[in-house]
Amino acid sequence: MGQAMEAAAGQSPVTAVLIDEAALTLEELARACAVDHDWVVQRVRTGILMESASDDCVSWRFTSADLVRARRTPSNARAAAS
């Protein structure tokens, strides 16, 4: 066994959550996109984010696809919303 293998043998395995299994709250998504939460609410209400959303934004959970979609919005549209 090489030195790297010997060193790794004594360490615990790395654990992670798959991004598709993680869900972001409204505030977390807004923070990740550097926008105000009202900007996110507006995109949900118009159908840009989330396919179906309840009226209670506290229960909203966003997927990695929502995060990518929100970040792909032109930066000038995000900056204007802040």
N, C-alpha and C. Protein backbone atom coordinates (compact mmCIF):
# COMPACT_ATOMS: atom_id res chain seq x y z
N MET A 1 0.84 -1.18 0.00
CA MET A 1 0.00 0.00 0.00
C MET A 1 0.88 1.24 0.00
N GLY A 2 0.54 2.25 -0.84
CA GLY A 2 1.30 3.49 -0.89
C GLY A 2 1.01 4.36 0.31
N GLN A 3 1.82 5.41 0.48
CA GLN A 3 1.63 6.31 1.61
C GLN A 3 0.26 6.97 1.61
N ALA A 4 -0.23 7.38 0.45
CA ALA A 4 -1.54 8.03 0.37
C ALA A 4 -2.64 7.07 0.79
N MET A 5 -2.53 5.81 0.36
CA MET A 5 -3.52 4.81 0.73
C MET A 5 -3.48 4.53 2.22
N GLU A 6 -2.28 4.46 2.80
CA GLU A 6 -2.15 4.22 4.23
C GLU A 6 -2.74 5.38 5.02
N ALA A 7 -2.50 6.62 4.57
CA ALA A 7 -3.03 7.79 5.26
C ALA A 7 -4.55 7.81 5.16
N ALA A 8 -5.09 7.47 4.01
CA ALA A 8 -6.53 7.48 3.81
C ALA A 8 -7.22 6.37 4.59
N ALA A 9 -6.52 5.28 4.82
CA ALA A 9 -7.10 4.14 5.51
C ALA A 9 -7.49 4.49 6.95
N GLY A 10 -6.80 5.44 7.57
CA GLY A 10 -7.10 5.82 8.93
C GLY A 10 -8.15 6.91 9.05
N GLN A 11 -8.63 7.42 7.95
CA GLN A 11 -9.59 8.52 7.97
C GLN A 11 -11.00 8.00 7.77
N SER A 12 -11.96 8.76 8.29
CA SER A 12 -13.35 8.38 8.09
C SER A 12 -13.78 8.78 6.68
N PRO A 13 -14.75 8.09 6.12
CA PRO A 13 -15.19 8.39 4.75
C PRO A 13 -15.86 9.77 4.68
N VAL A 14 -15.79 10.36 3.53
CA VAL A 14 -16.44 11.64 3.30
C VAL A 14 -17.91 11.39 3.03
N THR A 15 -18.76 12.16 3.68
CA THR A 15 -20.19 12.04 3.43
C THR A 15 -20.69 13.36 2.87
N ALA A 16 -21.68 13.29 2.01
CA ALA A 16 -22.23 14.49 1.39
C ALA A 16 -23.70 14.26 1.04
N VAL A 17 -24.40 15.34 0.84
CA VAL A 17 -25.78 15.29 0.40
C VAL A 17 -25.79 15.62 -1.08
N LEU A 18 -26.45 14.79 -1.85
CA LEU A 18 -26.59 15.08 -3.27
C LEU A 18 -27.39 16.37 -3.43
N ILE A 19 -26.94 17.23 -4.33
CA ILE A 19 -27.60 18.52 -4.48
C ILE A 19 -29.07 18.38 -4.85
N ASP A 20 -29.43 17.34 -5.60
CA ASP A 20 -30.83 17.16 -5.98
C ASP A 20 -31.70 16.77 -4.80
N GLU A 21 -31.10 16.25 -3.75
CA GLU A 21 -31.86 15.89 -2.56
C GLU A 21 -31.97 17.06 -1.58
N ALA A 22 -31.13 18.07 -1.75
CA ALA A 22 -31.17 19.23 -0.87
C ALA A 22 -32.26 20.17 -1.33
N ALA A 23 -32.88 20.83 -0.39
CA ALA A 23 -33.92 21.80 -0.72
C ALA A 23 -33.59 23.11 -0.03
N LEU A 24 -33.66 24.19 -0.80
CA LEU A 24 -33.36 25.51 -0.26
C LEU A 24 -34.66 26.22 0.11
N THR A 25 -34.60 26.97 1.18
CA THR A 25 -35.74 27.81 1.55
C THR A 25 -35.72 29.07 0.70
N LEU A 26 -36.76 29.85 0.80
CA LEU A 26 -36.85 31.12 0.07
C LEU A 26 -35.67 32.02 0.41
N GLU A 27 -35.36 32.16 1.68
CA GLU A 27 -34.25 33.02 2.12
C GLU A 27 -32.91 32.48 1.63
N GLU A 28 -32.71 31.17 1.68
CA GLU A 28 -31.46 30.57 1.22
C GLU A 28 -31.25 30.78 -0.27
N LEU A 29 -32.33 30.61 -1.05
CA LEU A 29 -32.22 30.82 -2.50
C LEU A 29 -31.91 32.29 -2.79
N ALA A 30 -32.60 33.19 -2.12
CA ALA A 30 -32.35 34.62 -2.33
C ALA A 30 -30.91 34.97 -2.00
N ARG A 31 -30.41 34.45 -0.89
CA ARG A 31 -29.01 34.71 -0.48
C ARG A 31 -28.03 34.13 -1.50
N ALA A 32 -28.31 32.93 -2.00
CA ALA A 32 -27.42 32.28 -2.96
C ALA A 32 -27.36 33.04 -4.28
N CYS A 33 -28.44 33.75 -4.60
CA CYS A 33 -28.51 34.51 -5.86
C CYS A 33 -28.21 35.99 -5.66
N ALA A 34 -27.97 36.39 -4.43
CA ALA A 34 -27.70 37.80 -4.09
C ALA A 34 -28.84 38.71 -4.51
N VAL A 35 -30.07 38.28 -4.20
CA VAL A 35 -31.26 39.09 -4.48
C VAL A 35 -32.14 39.15 -3.24
N ASP A 36 -33.09 40.05 -3.28
CA ASP A 36 -34.06 40.18 -2.21
C ASP A 36 -35.08 39.05 -2.33
N HIS A 37 -35.67 38.64 -1.20
CA HIS A 37 -36.64 37.54 -1.27
C HIS A 37 -37.86 37.91 -2.10
N ASP A 38 -38.19 39.19 -2.21
CA ASP A 38 -39.31 39.62 -3.06
C ASP A 38 -39.06 39.29 -4.53
N TRP A 39 -37.80 39.35 -4.94
CA TRP A 39 -37.43 38.99 -6.32
C TRP A 39 -37.76 37.52 -6.58
N VAL A 40 -37.45 36.66 -5.61
CA VAL A 40 -37.75 35.23 -5.75
C VAL A 40 -39.26 35.01 -5.77
N VAL A 41 -39.98 35.67 -4.86
CA VAL A 41 -41.43 35.52 -4.81
C VAL A 41 -42.05 35.91 -6.15
N GLN A 42 -41.58 36.99 -6.72
CA GLN A 42 -42.10 37.44 -8.01
C GLN A 42 -41.88 36.38 -9.10
N ARG A 43 -40.69 35.74 -9.11
CA ARG A 43 -40.40 34.71 -10.11
C ARG A 43 -41.23 33.45 -9.89
N VAL A 44 -41.55 33.15 -8.65
CA VAL A 44 -42.41 31.99 -8.37
C VAL A 44 -43.83 32.29 -8.84
N ARG A 45 -44.33 33.45 -8.53
CA ARG A 45 -45.70 33.83 -8.90
C ARG A 45 -45.90 33.87 -10.42
N THR A 46 -44.85 34.19 -11.17
CA THR A 46 -44.95 34.22 -12.63
C THR A 46 -44.62 32.88 -13.27
N GLY A 47 -44.22 31.90 -12.46
CA GLY A 47 -43.96 30.56 -12.98
C GLY A 47 -42.55 30.32 -13.49
N ILE A 48 -41.66 31.27 -13.30
CA ILE A 48 -40.27 31.09 -13.73
C ILE A 48 -39.57 30.08 -12.82
N LEU A 49 -39.84 30.17 -11.54
CA LEU A 49 -39.28 29.22 -10.56
C LEU A 49 -40.41 28.37 -10.00
N MET A 50 -40.14 27.14 -9.71
CA MET A 50 -41.08 26.17 -9.17
C MET A 50 -42.25 25.92 -10.13
N GLU A 51 -42.57 24.69 -10.33
CA GLU A 51 -43.68 24.34 -11.22
C GLU A 51 -45.03 24.60 -10.57
N SER A 52 -45.15 24.24 -9.32
CA SER A 52 -46.40 24.51 -8.60
C SER A 52 -46.03 24.93 -7.19
N ALA A 53 -46.63 26.02 -6.75
CA ALA A 53 -46.30 26.55 -5.42
C ALA A 53 -47.58 26.89 -4.67
N SER A 54 -47.56 26.61 -3.39
CA SER A 54 -48.69 26.97 -2.55
C SER A 54 -48.65 28.49 -2.31
N ASP A 55 -49.68 29.00 -1.69
CA ASP A 55 -49.72 30.42 -1.37
C ASP A 55 -48.80 30.76 -0.20
N ASP A 56 -48.45 29.75 0.58
CA ASP A 56 -47.61 29.95 1.77
C ASP A 56 -46.14 29.85 1.40
N CYS A 57 -45.48 30.99 1.22
CA CYS A 57 -44.08 30.97 0.78
C CYS A 57 -43.13 30.40 1.83
N VAL A 58 -43.57 30.30 3.07
CA VAL A 58 -42.72 29.70 4.11
C VAL A 58 -42.48 28.22 3.83
N SER A 59 -43.44 27.57 3.18
CA SER A 59 -43.30 26.14 2.91
C SER A 59 -42.59 25.85 1.60
N TRP A 60 -42.25 26.87 0.82
CA TRP A 60 -41.59 26.65 -0.45
C TRP A 60 -40.21 26.06 -0.25
N ARG A 61 -39.85 25.10 -1.11
CA ARG A 61 -38.52 24.52 -1.13
C ARG A 61 -38.06 24.48 -2.58
N PHE A 62 -36.84 24.93 -2.80
CA PHE A 62 -36.31 25.07 -4.15
C PHE A 62 -35.25 24.01 -4.42
N THR A 63 -35.27 23.50 -5.63
CA THR A 63 -34.33 22.46 -6.05
C THR A 63 -33.08 23.10 -6.66
N SER A 64 -32.13 22.26 -6.98
CA SER A 64 -30.92 22.74 -7.64
C SER A 64 -31.26 23.32 -9.02
N ALA A 65 -32.28 22.77 -9.68
CA ALA A 65 -32.70 23.31 -10.98
C ALA A 65 -33.24 24.73 -10.82
N ASP A 66 -33.97 24.98 -9.73
CA ASP A 66 -34.46 26.34 -9.46
C ASP A 66 -33.30 27.29 -9.22
N LEU A 67 -32.29 26.84 -8.49
CA LEU A 67 -31.12 27.66 -8.23
C LEU A 67 -30.41 28.02 -9.52
N VAL A 68 -30.21 27.05 -10.38
CA VAL A 68 -29.55 27.30 -11.68
C VAL A 68 -30.38 28.27 -12.50
N ARG A 69 -31.68 28.04 -12.56
CA ARG A 69 -32.57 28.91 -13.34
C ARG A 69 -32.52 30.35 -12.81
N ALA A 70 -32.56 30.51 -11.51
CA ALA A 70 -32.51 31.85 -10.91
C ALA A 70 -31.18 32.53 -11.20
N ARG A 71 -30.10 31.78 -11.13
CA ARG A 71 -28.78 32.37 -11.38
C ARG A 71 -28.56 32.70 -12.85
N ARG A 72 -29.29 32.06 -13.74
CA ARG A 72 -29.15 32.33 -15.17
C ARG A 72 -29.92 33.58 -15.61
N THR A 73 -30.72 34.10 -14.72
CA THR A 73 -31.43 35.33 -15.02
C THR A 73 -30.38 36.42 -15.24
N PRO A 74 -30.54 37.25 -16.26
CA PRO A 74 -29.53 38.29 -16.52
C PRO A 74 -29.21 39.09 -15.26
N SER A 75 -27.93 39.36 -15.07
CA SER A 75 -27.49 40.03 -13.85
C SER A 75 -28.12 41.40 -13.68
N ASN A 76 -28.43 42.10 -14.77
CA ASN A 76 -29.05 43.41 -14.62
C ASN A 76 -30.47 43.28 -14.06
N ALA A 77 -31.16 42.19 -14.36
CA ALA A 77 -32.51 41.97 -13.80
C ALA A 77 -32.41 41.64 -12.31
N ARG A 78 -31.35 40.91 -11.92
CA ARG A 78 -31.16 40.59 -10.50
C ARG A 78 -30.77 41.84 -9.74
N ALA A 79 -29.87 42.65 -10.30
CA ALA A 79 -29.41 43.85 -9.61
C ALA A 79 -30.54 44.86 -9.44
N ALA A 80 -31.39 44.97 -10.44
CA ALA A 80 -32.51 45.92 -10.37
C ALA A 80 -33.50 45.54 -9.28
N ALA A 81 -33.57 44.24 -8.99
CA ALA A 81 -34.52 43.77 -7.97
C ALA A 81 -33.99 43.98 -6.56
N SER A 82 -32.69 44.15 -6.40
CA SER A 82 -32.12 44.27 -5.05
C SER A 82 -32.35 45.62 -4.46
